[in-house]
Amino acid sequence: MAGKLDKKRMQRICDELAKGKSLRSICDSDTTQPHWVTVLQAVQRNDDLYEMYSKARAIGAEVLADEMHDLARQPLPTDMEAKHMNAEVQRRRLEVDTLKWTFARQQPRGVRNKSADVDQPSSITLVWAADDAGENQEKVTGEVVKLVQPTNEQE
């Protein structure tokens, strides 16, 4: 569907995303919705649409987490042959692994979408006293500091 993506249409898309559906399946199954590429382009250009989209993705990730939990706890059928039972276990493992991968990418910062200041570099300052009086202190600042000298076995 050609045209501009408005907030009303975006809200319908976000409602489906929050249910754990994929953007492509939402847009491809409903002819009144714009193409999924149009949605992604609109999200990149408009901060309000991006906020709606990211919140819906985070909520959808929580739905996926519940789905993974339910799938893993669901008992196996008792009337199956051993080889079919093994195939069912492998199918569930693949499904849970796929959902975990999707979950990790959809919700990197949580439902509230608040991130820590990860952009700020941090430094560590370690101070060793050369003698008991605290004189001749040496300061070492850096990202990585070896605290233990390697022995021949560790090298």
N, C-alpha and C. Protein backbone atom coordinates (compact mmCIF):
# COMPACT_ATOMS: atom_id res chain seq x y z
N MET A 1 0.85 -1.18 0.00
CA MET A 1 0.00 0.00 0.00
C MET A 1 0.89 1.23 0.00
N ALA A 2 0.65 2.10 -0.93
CA ALA A 2 1.44 3.32 -1.02
C ALA A 2 0.87 4.36 -0.06
N GLY A 3 1.69 5.32 0.24
CA GLY A 3 1.21 6.39 1.10
C GLY A 3 2.01 6.52 2.37
N LYS A 4 1.61 7.54 3.11
CA LYS A 4 2.30 7.86 4.34
C LYS A 4 1.82 6.98 5.48
N LEU A 5 2.74 6.62 6.36
CA LEU A 5 2.39 5.82 7.53
C LEU A 5 2.01 6.77 8.66
N ASP A 6 0.74 6.75 9.03
CA ASP A 6 0.29 7.62 10.12
C ASP A 6 0.30 6.86 11.44
N LYS A 7 0.05 7.59 12.52
CA LYS A 7 0.11 6.99 13.86
C LYS A 7 -0.97 5.94 14.07
N LYS A 8 -2.12 6.12 13.45
CA LYS A 8 -3.21 5.16 13.61
C LYS A 8 -2.81 3.80 13.02
N ARG A 9 -2.26 3.81 11.81
CA ARG A 9 -1.80 2.57 11.19
C ARG A 9 -0.62 1.97 11.96
N MET A 10 0.27 2.85 12.43
CA MET A 10 1.42 2.38 13.18
C MET A 10 0.96 1.73 14.49
N GLN A 11 -0.08 2.26 15.10
CA GLN A 11 -0.59 1.67 16.34
C GLN A 11 -1.13 0.27 16.09
N ARG A 12 -1.80 0.06 14.96
CA ARG A 12 -2.29 -1.28 14.62
C ARG A 12 -1.13 -2.24 14.43
N ILE A 13 -0.07 -1.78 13.78
CA ILE A 13 1.11 -2.61 13.58
C ILE A 13 1.76 -2.92 14.93
N CYS A 14 1.88 -1.91 15.78
CA CYS A 14 2.50 -2.09 17.10
C CYS A 14 1.69 -3.04 17.98
N ASP A 15 0.36 -3.01 17.86
CA ASP A 15 -0.47 -3.94 18.62
C ASP A 15 -0.14 -5.38 18.25
N GLU A 16 0.09 -5.63 16.98
CA GLU A 16 0.44 -6.97 16.52
C GLU A 16 1.88 -7.34 16.91
N LEU A 17 2.79 -6.37 16.83
CA LEU A 17 4.17 -6.62 17.25
C LEU A 17 4.22 -6.99 18.72
N ALA A 18 3.39 -6.34 19.52
CA ALA A 18 3.34 -6.62 20.96
C ALA A 18 2.82 -8.02 21.25
N LYS A 19 2.14 -8.63 20.31
CA LYS A 19 1.67 -10.01 20.47
C LYS A 19 2.77 -11.02 20.09
N GLY A 20 3.90 -10.52 19.65
CA GLY A 20 5.00 -11.41 19.30
C GLY A 20 5.09 -11.74 17.82
N LYS A 21 4.27 -11.12 17.01
CA LYS A 21 4.30 -11.38 15.57
C LYS A 21 5.47 -10.63 14.92
N SER A 22 5.87 -11.09 13.76
CA SER A 22 6.94 -10.41 13.04
C SER A 22 6.36 -9.29 12.17
N LEU A 23 7.18 -8.29 11.92
CA LEU A 23 6.74 -7.15 11.10
C LEU A 23 6.36 -7.61 9.70
N ARG A 24 7.15 -8.50 9.13
CA ARG A 24 6.85 -8.97 7.78
C ARG A 24 5.51 -9.70 7.72
N SER A 25 5.24 -10.55 8.71
CA SER A 25 3.97 -11.29 8.67
C SER A 25 2.78 -10.34 8.85
N ILE A 26 2.95 -9.31 9.65
CA ILE A 26 1.87 -8.34 9.86
C ILE A 26 1.56 -7.60 8.57
N CYS A 27 2.60 -7.11 7.92
CA CYS A 27 2.41 -6.30 6.71
C CYS A 27 1.99 -7.15 5.51
N ASP A 28 2.51 -8.39 5.42
CA ASP A 28 2.18 -9.24 4.28
C ASP A 28 0.78 -9.83 4.37
N SER A 29 0.25 -10.00 5.58
CA SER A 29 -1.05 -10.64 5.73
C SER A 29 -2.22 -9.66 5.64
N ASP A 30 -1.94 -8.37 5.71
CA ASP A 30 -3.01 -7.37 5.70
C ASP A 30 -2.75 -6.38 4.56
N THR A 31 -3.63 -6.36 3.59
CA THR A 31 -3.44 -5.49 2.43
C THR A 31 -3.65 -4.01 2.76
N THR A 32 -4.25 -3.70 3.90
CA THR A 32 -4.43 -2.30 4.29
C THR A 32 -3.18 -1.72 4.94
N GLN A 33 -2.23 -2.59 5.27
CA GLN A 33 -0.99 -2.13 5.90
C GLN A 33 0.05 -1.82 4.83
N PRO A 34 0.95 -0.89 5.13
CA PRO A 34 2.02 -0.59 4.18
C PRO A 34 3.04 -1.74 4.13
N HIS A 35 3.90 -1.69 3.17
CA HIS A 35 4.98 -2.68 3.06
C HIS A 35 5.89 -2.55 4.27
N TRP A 36 6.50 -3.64 4.69
CA TRP A 36 7.34 -3.62 5.89
C TRP A 36 8.54 -2.70 5.73
N VAL A 37 9.03 -2.53 4.52
CA VAL A 37 10.15 -1.61 4.28
C VAL A 37 9.72 -0.17 4.54
N THR A 38 8.48 0.15 4.15
CA THR A 38 7.93 1.48 4.40
C THR A 38 7.86 1.76 5.89
N VAL A 39 7.47 0.75 6.66
CA VAL A 39 7.39 0.90 8.12
C VAL A 39 8.78 1.17 8.70
N LEU A 40 9.75 0.39 8.28
CA LEU A 40 11.12 0.58 8.80
C LEU A 40 11.68 1.95 8.41
N GLN A 41 11.40 2.40 7.21
CA GLN A 41 11.86 3.73 6.80
C GLN A 41 11.19 4.82 7.61
N ALA A 42 9.90 4.68 7.88
CA ALA A 42 9.17 5.67 8.66
C ALA A 42 9.69 5.70 10.10
N VAL A 43 10.01 4.55 10.64
CA VAL A 43 10.53 4.46 12.00
C VAL A 43 11.89 5.16 12.10
N GLN A 44 12.69 5.06 11.05
CA GLN A 44 13.99 5.73 11.04
C GLN A 44 13.86 7.25 10.97
N ARG A 45 12.84 7.73 10.29
CA ARG A 45 12.68 9.17 10.09
C ARG A 45 11.93 9.87 11.21
N ASN A 46 11.01 9.17 11.89
CA ASN A 46 10.11 9.81 12.83
C ASN A 46 10.36 9.28 14.24
N ASP A 47 10.71 10.16 15.16
CA ASP A 47 11.02 9.76 16.54
C ASP A 47 9.80 9.19 17.27
N ASP A 48 8.62 9.75 17.03
CA ASP A 48 7.41 9.24 17.68
C ASP A 48 7.09 7.82 17.23
N LEU A 49 7.20 7.58 15.93
CA LEU A 49 6.96 6.23 15.41
C LEU A 49 8.01 5.26 15.92
N TYR A 50 9.25 5.72 16.03
CA TYR A 50 10.32 4.87 16.56
C TYR A 50 10.02 4.48 18.01
N GLU A 51 9.56 5.42 18.80
CA GLU A 51 9.24 5.15 20.20
C GLU A 51 8.13 4.11 20.30
N MET A 52 7.09 4.26 19.48
CA MET A 52 6.00 3.28 19.46
C MET A 52 6.52 1.90 19.06
N TYR A 53 7.34 1.88 18.02
CA TYR A 53 7.88 0.63 17.48
C TYR A 53 8.77 -0.08 18.50
N SER A 54 9.67 0.66 19.13
CA SER A 54 10.61 0.03 20.07
C SER A 54 9.88 -0.50 21.30
N LYS A 55 8.88 0.21 21.78
CA LYS A 55 8.10 -0.29 22.92
C LYS A 55 7.32 -1.56 22.55
N ALA A 56 6.75 -1.56 21.36
CA ALA A 56 6.00 -2.74 20.92
C ALA A 56 6.93 -3.94 20.76
N ARG A 57 8.15 -3.70 20.25
CA ARG A 57 9.12 -4.79 20.11
C ARG A 57 9.53 -5.34 21.47
N ALA A 58 9.71 -4.47 22.45
CA ALA A 58 10.09 -4.91 23.79
C ALA A 58 8.98 -5.73 24.43
N ILE A 59 7.75 -5.31 24.26
CA ILE A 59 6.62 -6.06 24.82
C ILE A 59 6.47 -7.39 24.08
N GLY A 60 6.65 -7.36 22.77
CA GLY A 60 6.60 -8.60 21.99
C GLY A 60 7.67 -9.59 22.43
N ALA A 61 8.82 -9.08 22.83
CA ALA A 61 9.89 -9.95 23.32
C ALA A 61 9.48 -10.63 24.62
N GLU A 62 8.76 -9.92 25.47
CA GLU A 62 8.26 -10.53 26.71
C GLU A 62 7.27 -11.64 26.40
N VAL A 63 6.46 -11.45 25.38
CA VAL A 63 5.52 -12.49 24.96
C VAL A 63 6.31 -13.71 24.49
N LEU A 64 7.38 -13.47 23.74
CA LEU A 64 8.22 -14.58 23.28
C LEU A 64 8.86 -15.32 24.45
N ALA A 65 9.25 -14.59 25.49
CA ALA A 65 9.83 -15.23 26.67
C ALA A 65 8.81 -16.14 27.33
N ASP A 66 7.57 -15.69 27.43
CA ASP A 66 6.52 -16.54 27.99
C ASP A 66 6.28 -17.77 27.11
N GLU A 67 6.33 -17.56 25.82
CA GLU A 67 6.12 -18.67 24.88
C GLU A 67 7.24 -19.72 25.04
N MET A 68 8.49 -19.24 25.18
CA MET A 68 9.61 -20.16 25.39
C MET A 68 9.42 -20.95 26.68
N HIS A 69 9.01 -20.27 27.72
CA HIS A 69 8.79 -20.93 29.01
C HIS A 69 7.72 -22.00 28.90
N ASP A 70 6.62 -21.66 28.28
CA ASP A 70 5.53 -22.62 28.13
C ASP A 70 5.95 -23.82 27.29
N LEU A 71 6.67 -23.57 26.22
CA LEU A 71 7.12 -24.64 25.34
C LEU A 71 8.07 -25.60 26.05
N ALA A 72 8.98 -25.04 26.81
CA ALA A 72 9.96 -25.87 27.52
C ALA A 72 9.30 -26.70 28.62
N ARG A 73 8.26 -26.20 29.24
CA ARG A 73 7.61 -26.90 30.36
C ARG A 73 6.49 -27.84 29.90
N GLN A 74 6.13 -27.78 28.65
CA GLN A 74 5.06 -28.63 28.15
C GLN A 74 5.52 -30.10 28.16
N PRO A 75 4.73 -30.98 28.76
CA PRO A 75 5.14 -32.39 28.82
C PRO A 75 5.14 -33.04 27.43
N LEU A 76 6.02 -34.00 27.28
CA LEU A 76 6.07 -34.75 26.03
C LEU A 76 4.92 -35.74 25.97
N PRO A 77 4.43 -36.04 24.78
CA PRO A 77 3.37 -37.04 24.66
C PRO A 77 3.87 -38.42 25.12
N THR A 78 3.03 -39.17 25.76
CA THR A 78 3.44 -40.48 26.26
C THR A 78 3.20 -41.60 25.26
N ASP A 79 2.44 -41.34 24.22
CA ASP A 79 2.08 -42.39 23.27
C ASP A 79 2.96 -42.41 22.01
N MET A 80 4.15 -41.82 22.08
CA MET A 80 5.04 -41.77 20.92
C MET A 80 6.12 -42.84 21.00
N GLU A 81 6.59 -43.23 19.83
CA GLU A 81 7.75 -44.11 19.78
C GLU A 81 8.98 -43.30 20.19
N ALA A 82 10.02 -44.02 20.59
CA ALA A 82 11.24 -43.35 21.08
C ALA A 82 11.85 -42.44 20.02
N LYS A 83 11.91 -42.89 18.78
CA LYS A 83 12.54 -42.05 17.74
C LYS A 83 11.71 -40.80 17.45
N HIS A 84 10.40 -40.91 17.55
CA HIS A 84 9.54 -39.74 17.35
C HIS A 84 9.63 -38.80 18.56
N MET A 85 9.78 -39.38 19.74
CA MET A 85 9.95 -38.58 20.95
C MET A 85 11.23 -37.76 20.85
N ASN A 86 12.31 -38.39 20.39
CA ASN A 86 13.57 -37.69 20.21
C ASN A 86 13.43 -36.56 19.17
N ALA A 87 12.71 -36.83 18.11
CA ALA A 87 12.48 -35.80 17.09
C ALA A 87 11.69 -34.63 17.67
N GLU A 88 10.73 -34.92 18.53
CA GLU A 88 9.94 -33.86 19.16
C GLU A 88 10.81 -33.02 20.09
N VAL A 89 11.68 -33.67 20.84
CA VAL A 89 12.60 -32.93 21.72
C VAL A 89 13.50 -32.02 20.89
N GLN A 90 14.02 -32.54 19.79
CA GLN A 90 14.90 -31.73 18.93
C GLN A 90 14.12 -30.56 18.29
N ARG A 91 12.88 -30.81 17.90
CA ARG A 91 12.06 -29.73 17.32
C ARG A 91 11.83 -28.63 18.33
N ARG A 92 11.51 -29.01 19.56
CA ARG A 92 11.28 -28.01 20.62
C ARG A 92 12.56 -27.25 20.94
N ARG A 93 13.67 -27.95 20.97
CA ARG A 93 14.95 -27.29 21.23
C ARG A 93 15.24 -26.24 20.15
N LEU A 94 15.01 -26.60 18.91
CA LEU A 94 15.22 -25.65 17.82
C LEU A 94 14.28 -24.46 17.95
N GLU A 95 13.04 -24.72 18.29
CA GLU A 95 12.07 -23.64 18.44
C GLU A 95 12.45 -22.70 19.59
N VAL A 96 12.85 -23.26 20.72
CA VAL A 96 13.26 -22.43 21.85
C VAL A 96 14.52 -21.65 21.51
N ASP A 97 15.48 -22.27 20.85
CA ASP A 97 16.71 -21.57 20.46
C ASP A 97 16.40 -20.41 19.51
N THR A 98 15.49 -20.63 18.58
CA THR A 98 15.11 -19.56 17.66
C THR A 98 14.41 -18.42 18.41
N LEU A 99 13.53 -18.77 19.32
CA LEU A 99 12.85 -17.75 20.11
C LEU A 99 13.84 -16.99 21.01
N LYS A 100 14.82 -17.68 21.57
CA LYS A 100 15.84 -17.01 22.40
C LYS A 100 16.63 -16.02 21.57
N TRP A 101 17.00 -16.41 20.36
CA TRP A 101 17.76 -15.53 19.47
C TRP A 101 16.94 -14.28 19.16
N THR A 102 15.67 -14.48 18.84
CA THR A 102 14.79 -13.36 18.52
C THR A 102 14.59 -12.47 19.74
N PHE A 103 14.37 -13.09 20.90
CA PHE A 103 14.17 -12.35 22.14
C PHE A 103 15.37 -11.46 22.45
N ALA A 104 16.57 -11.99 22.30
CA ALA A 104 17.78 -11.23 22.62
C ALA A 104 17.93 -10.00 21.74
N ARG A 105 17.46 -10.07 20.52
CA ARG A 105 17.59 -8.92 19.62
C ARG A 105 16.44 -7.94 19.74
N GLN A 106 15.30 -8.41 20.18
CA GLN A 106 14.15 -7.51 20.29
C GLN A 106 14.15 -6.72 21.59
N GLN A 107 14.79 -7.24 22.61
CA GLN A 107 14.70 -6.58 23.89
C GLN A 107 16.08 -6.46 24.55
N PRO A 108 16.95 -5.66 23.98
CA PRO A 108 18.28 -5.55 24.58
C PRO A 108 18.30 -4.77 25.87
N ARG A 109 17.31 -3.92 26.11
CA ARG A 109 17.36 -3.05 27.29
C ARG A 109 16.15 -3.18 28.21
N GLY A 110 15.23 -4.06 27.93
CA GLY A 110 14.11 -4.24 28.83
C GLY A 110 12.84 -3.55 28.34
N VAL A 111 11.74 -3.83 29.01
CA VAL A 111 10.44 -3.31 28.61
C VAL A 111 10.39 -1.79 28.72
N ARG A 112 11.00 -1.24 29.75
CA ARG A 112 10.96 0.21 29.93
C ARG A 112 11.92 0.94 29.00
N ASN A 113 12.75 0.20 28.27
CA ASN A 113 13.62 0.77 27.26
C ASN A 113 14.54 1.84 27.82
N LYS A 114 15.08 1.60 29.01
CA LYS A 114 16.02 2.54 29.61
C LYS A 114 17.39 1.90 29.57
N SER A 115 18.32 2.59 28.97
CA SER A 115 19.66 2.03 28.86
C SER A 115 20.61 2.75 29.80
N ALA A 116 21.61 2.02 30.23
CA ALA A 116 22.65 2.63 31.06
C ALA A 116 23.57 3.43 30.16
N ASP A 117 24.35 4.28 30.74
CA ASP A 117 25.30 5.07 29.95
C ASP A 117 26.46 4.19 29.56
N VAL A 118 26.25 3.38 28.54
CA VAL A 118 27.30 2.48 28.09
C VAL A 118 28.30 3.18 27.19
N ASP A 119 27.96 4.37 26.72
CA ASP A 119 28.85 5.10 25.84
C ASP A 119 30.00 5.77 26.60
N GLN A 120 29.82 5.95 27.90
CA GLN A 120 30.84 6.61 28.69
C GLN A 120 31.95 5.63 29.03
N PRO A 121 33.19 5.91 28.58
CA PRO A 121 34.28 5.00 28.93
C PRO A 121 34.60 5.11 30.41
N SER A 122 35.00 4.01 30.98
CA SER A 122 35.36 4.02 32.38
C SER A 122 36.82 3.66 32.52
N SER A 123 37.45 4.20 33.52
CA SER A 123 38.84 3.86 33.77
C SER A 123 38.97 3.37 35.20
N ILE A 124 39.96 2.56 35.41
CA ILE A 124 40.22 2.00 36.73
C ILE A 124 41.59 2.48 37.16
N THR A 125 41.69 2.99 38.36
CA THR A 125 42.97 3.42 38.90
C THR A 125 43.33 2.52 40.07
N LEU A 126 44.49 1.87 39.96
CA LEU A 126 44.97 1.00 41.01
C LEU A 126 46.22 1.63 41.61
N VAL A 127 46.32 1.62 42.92
CA VAL A 127 47.45 2.23 43.62
C VAL A 127 48.09 1.17 44.50
N TRP A 128 49.42 1.00 44.35
CA TRP A 128 50.17 0.08 45.19
C TRP A 128 51.13 0.89 46.05
N ALA A 129 51.23 0.52 47.31
CA ALA A 129 52.18 1.19 48.20
C ALA A 129 53.50 0.43 48.15
N ALA A 130 54.59 1.16 47.92
CA ALA A 130 55.90 0.52 47.82
C ALA A 130 56.42 0.13 49.19
N ASP A 131 56.06 0.87 50.20
CA ASP A 131 56.50 0.52 51.55
C ASP A 131 55.36 0.78 52.52
N ASP A 132 55.57 0.47 53.79
CA ASP A 132 54.51 0.58 54.78
C ASP A 132 54.05 2.01 55.02
N ALA A 133 54.91 2.97 54.79
CA ALA A 133 54.58 4.36 55.05
C ALA A 133 53.73 4.95 53.94
N GLY A 134 53.57 4.22 52.84
CA GLY A 134 52.75 4.72 51.74
C GLY A 134 53.51 5.65 50.81
N GLU A 135 54.81 5.72 50.96
CA GLU A 135 55.61 6.57 50.08
C GLU A 135 55.88 5.84 48.78
N ASN A 136 56.30 6.58 47.81
CA ASN A 136 56.67 6.04 46.49
C ASN A 136 55.52 5.23 45.87
N GLN A 137 54.32 5.80 45.90
CA GLN A 137 53.17 5.11 45.33
C GLN A 137 53.24 5.19 43.81
N GLU A 138 52.84 4.10 43.18
CA GLU A 138 52.83 4.03 41.73
C GLU A 138 51.37 3.94 41.28
N LYS A 139 50.97 4.80 40.35
CA LYS A 139 49.60 4.78 39.85
C LYS A 139 49.60 4.19 38.44
N VAL A 140 48.69 3.26 38.22
CA VAL A 140 48.56 2.64 36.92
C VAL A 140 47.10 2.82 36.50
N THR A 141 46.88 3.45 35.37
CA THR A 141 45.54 3.66 34.87
C THR A 141 45.45 3.01 33.50
N GLY A 142 44.39 2.30 33.26
CA GLY A 142 44.23 1.67 31.96
C GLY A 142 42.98 0.84 31.92
N GLU A 143 42.67 0.33 30.75
CA GLU A 143 41.48 -0.48 30.59
C GLU A 143 41.70 -1.88 31.15
N VAL A 144 42.91 -2.43 30.94
CA VAL A 144 43.20 -3.77 31.41
C VAL A 144 44.50 -3.72 32.18
N VAL A 145 44.50 -4.24 33.38
CA VAL A 145 45.69 -4.28 34.22
C VAL A 145 45.85 -5.71 34.71
N LYS A 146 47.06 -6.28 34.54
CA LYS A 146 47.31 -7.61 35.06
C LYS A 146 47.57 -7.49 36.55
N LEU A 147 46.76 -8.19 37.32
CA LEU A 147 46.91 -8.13 38.77
C LEU A 147 47.82 -9.23 39.28
N VAL A 148 48.01 -10.27 38.53
CA VAL A 148 48.84 -11.38 38.95
C VAL A 148 49.84 -11.65 37.83
N GLN A 149 51.09 -11.81 38.18
CA GLN A 149 52.10 -12.13 37.20
C GLN A 149 51.92 -13.58 36.75
N PRO A 150 51.94 -13.85 35.45
CA PRO A 150 51.76 -15.23 35.00
C PRO A 150 52.94 -16.10 35.36
N THR A 151 52.64 -17.33 35.72
CA THR A 151 53.71 -18.29 35.98
C THR A 151 54.04 -18.99 34.67
N ASN A 152 55.03 -19.82 34.67
CA ASN A 152 55.41 -20.54 33.45
C ASN A 152 54.29 -21.40 32.94
N GLU A 153 53.48 -21.95 33.83
CA GLU A 153 52.36 -22.80 33.42
C GLU A 153 51.27 -22.00 32.72
N GLN A 154 51.09 -20.73 33.10
CA GLN A 154 50.02 -19.91 32.54
C GLN A 154 50.43 -19.24 31.24
N GLU A 155 51.68 -19.16 30.93
CA GLU A 155 52.12 -18.43 29.74
C GLU A 155 51.80 -19.15 28.47
